[in-house]
C-alpha atoms as a PDB file:
ATOM      1  CA  MET A   1     -45.343  13.331   8.612  1.00  0.00           C
ATOM      2  CA  ASP A   2     -45.398   9.636   8.360  1.00  0.00           C
ATOM      3  CA  ARG A   3     -43.659  10.026   4.829  1.00  0.00           C
ATOM      4  CA  VAL A   4     -40.802  12.425   6.252  1.00  0.00           C
ATOM      5  CA  ASN A   5     -39.788   9.901   8.725  1.00  0.00           C
ATOM      6  CA  SER A   6     -39.505   6.857   6.540  1.00  0.00           C
ATOM      7  CA  SER A   7     -37.535   8.941   4.497  1.00  0.00           C
ATOM      8  CA  LEU A   8     -35.285   9.908   7.574  1.00  0.00           C
ATOM      9  CA  CYS A   9     -35.173   6.519   8.703  1.00  0.00           C
ATOM     10  CA  LEU A  10     -33.902   5.500   5.325  1.00  0.00           C
ATOM     11  CA  GLU A  11     -31.286   7.673   5.210  1.00  0.00           C
ATOM     12  CA  ASN A  12     -30.340   7.072   8.871  1.00  0.00           C
ATOM     13  CA  LEU A  13     -30.085   3.187   7.614  1.00  0.00           C
ATOM     14  CA  ARG A  14     -28.043   4.326   4.643  1.00  0.00           C
ATOM     15  CA  MET A  15     -25.588   6.223   7.196  1.00  0.00           C
ATOM     16  CA  MET A  16     -25.012   3.455   9.487  1.00  0.00           C
ATOM     17  CA  HIS A  17     -23.905   1.251   6.202  1.00  0.00           C
ATOM     18  CA  GLU A  18     -21.760   3.483   5.206  1.00  0.00           C
ATOM     19  CA  ASN A  19     -20.388   4.255   8.946  1.00  0.00           C
ATOM     20  CA  GLU A  20     -19.885   0.257   9.256  1.00  0.00           C
ATOM     21  CA  ARG A  21     -18.140   0.239   5.604  1.00  0.00           C
ATOM     22  CA  LEU A  22     -15.684   3.098   6.806  1.00  0.00           C
ATOM     23  CA  ARG A  23     -15.060   1.583   9.938  1.00  0.00           C
ATOM     24  CA  ARG A  24     -14.041  -1.961   8.631  1.00  0.00           C
ATOM     25  CA  LYS A  25     -11.991   0.321   6.180  1.00  0.00           C
ATOM     26  CA  ALA A  26     -10.234   1.925   8.987  1.00  0.00           C
ATOM     27  CA  GLN A  27      -9.541  -1.084  10.894  1.00  0.00           C
ATOM     28  CA  GLN A  28      -8.026  -2.526   7.525  1.00  0.00           C
ATOM     29  CA  LEU A  29      -5.855   0.726   7.333  1.00  0.00           C
ATOM     30  CA  ASP A  30      -4.476   0.359  10.866  1.00  0.00           C
ATOM     31  CA  GLN A  31      -3.761  -3.204  10.152  1.00  0.00           C
ATOM     32  CA  GLU A  32      -1.893  -2.350   7.461  1.00  0.00           C
ATOM     33  CA  ASN A  33      -0.076   0.742   8.848  1.00  0.00           C
ATOM     34  CA  LYS A  34       1.097  -1.410  11.884  1.00  0.00           C
ATOM     35  CA  ALA A  35       2.422  -3.975  10.091  1.00  0.00           C
ATOM     36  CA  LEU A  36       4.198  -1.401   7.860  1.00  0.00           C
ATOM     37  CA  LEU A  37       5.759   0.198  10.843  1.00  0.00           C
ATOM     38  CA  ALA A  38       6.736  -3.255  12.623  1.00  0.00           C
ATOM     39  CA  GLU A  39       8.579  -4.273   9.425  1.00  0.00           C
ATOM     40  CA  ILE A  40      10.758  -0.663   9.198  1.00  0.00           C
ATOM     41  CA  LYS A  41      11.854  -1.081  12.713  1.00  0.00           C
ATOM     42  CA  ARG A  42      12.962  -4.726  12.207  1.00  0.00           C
ATOM     43  CA  LYS A  43      15.039  -3.123   9.180  1.00  0.00           C
ATOM     44  CA  GLN A  44      16.152  -0.087  10.780  1.00  0.00           C
ATOM     45  CA  GLN A  45      17.521  -2.595  13.899  1.00  0.00           C
ATOM     46  CA  LEU A  46      19.018  -4.580  11.097  1.00  0.00           C
ATOM     47  CA  VAL A  47      21.052  -1.872   9.889  1.00  0.00           C
ATOM     48  CA  GLN A  48      21.727  -0.484  13.191  1.00  0.00           C
ATOM     49  CA  GLN A  49      23.294  -3.817  13.955  1.00  0.00           C
ATOM     50  CA  HIS A  50      25.155  -4.038  10.750  1.00  0.00           C
ATOM     51  CA  ALA A  51      26.698  -0.220  11.390  1.00  0.00           C
ATOM     52  CA  SER A  52      27.928  -1.085  14.529  1.00  0.00           C
ATOM     53  CA  ALA A  53      29.260  -4.331  13.753  1.00  0.00           C
ATOM     54  CA  SER A  54      30.834  -2.893  11.106  1.00  0.00           C
ATOM     55  CA  SER A  55      34.978  -1.039  11.387  1.00  0.00           C
ATOM     56  CA  PRO A  56      34.603   2.778  10.452  1.00  0.00           C
ATOM     57  CA  SER A  57      36.715   1.766   7.209  1.00  0.00           C
ATOM     58  CA  GLN A  58      34.026  -0.923   6.151  1.00  0.00           C
ATOM     59  CA  GLN A  59      31.441   1.765   6.893  1.00  0.00           C
ATOM     60  CA  LEU A  60      33.635   4.339   4.374  1.00  0.00           C
ATOM     61  CA  GLN A  61      33.598   1.594   1.761  1.00  0.00           C
ATOM     62  CA  GLN A  62      29.719   1.084   2.260  1.00  0.00           C
ATOM     63  CA  GLY A  63      28.606   4.418   1.830  1.00  0.00           C
ATOM     64  CA  GLY A  64      28.504   5.052   6.136  1.00  0.00           C
ATOM     65  CA  PRO A  65      29.399   7.875   7.681  1.00  0.00           C
ATOM     66  CA  SER A  66      31.331  11.123   5.410  1.00  0.00           C
ATOM     67  CA  GLY A  67      32.656  13.850   5.733  1.00  0.00           C
ATOM     68  CA  ALA A  68      33.347  15.702   9.181  1.00  0.00           C
ATOM     69  CA  ALA A  69      31.671  12.992  11.196  1.00  0.00           C
ATOM     70  CA  ALA A  70      34.072  10.020   9.226  1.00  0.00           C
ATOM     71  CA  SER A  71      37.278  11.965  10.049  1.00  0.00           C
ATOM     72  CA  ALA A  72      35.848  12.407  13.576  1.00  0.00           C
ATOM     73  CA  ALA A  73      35.184   8.634  13.642  1.00  0.00           C
ATOM     74  CA  THR A  74      38.471   7.714  12.473  1.00  0.00           C
ATOM     75  CA  ALA A  75      40.645  10.188  15.127  1.00  0.00           C
ATOM     76  CA  ALA A  76      38.612   8.832  17.548  1.00  0.00           C
ATOM     77  CA  ASN A  77      39.444   5.160  17.029  1.00  0.00           C
ATOM     78  CA  ARG A  78      43.062   6.122  16.162  1.00  0.00           C
ATOM     79  CA  LYS A  79      43.184   8.085  19.272  1.00  0.00           C
ATOM     80  CA  ALA A  80      42.000   5.002  21.008  1.00  0.00           C
ATOM     81  CA  ALA A  81      44.217   2.406  19.400  1.00  0.00           C
ATOM     82  CA  HIS A  82      47.198   4.680  20.364  1.00  0.00           C
ATOM     83  CA  HIS A  83      46.436   4.587  23.846  1.00  0.00           C
ATOM     84  CA  VAL A  84      45.688   0.909  24.177  1.00  0.00           C
ATOM     85  CA  ASN A  85      49.156   0.023  22.450  1.00  0.00           C
ATOM     86  CA  LYS A  86      50.870   2.462  25.265  1.00  0.00           C
END
């Protein structure tokens, strides 16, 4: 009985050490994920700021909106400019 108990205690101790190792690894991965997410958000904001500062013709030249969306945006800008000029 004592031998079984000792064996179970050793197994329990190994499990606790493994759990601690995995917990530290999980914390490290969580920190890395948060840092990567913050970097992605920062880059996304820079792209959005750059896109909102660019004119539609510059966006087309830089590979911005294309197709129907670009045509609609260009047409809307022309209409707005036409109304301002009246």
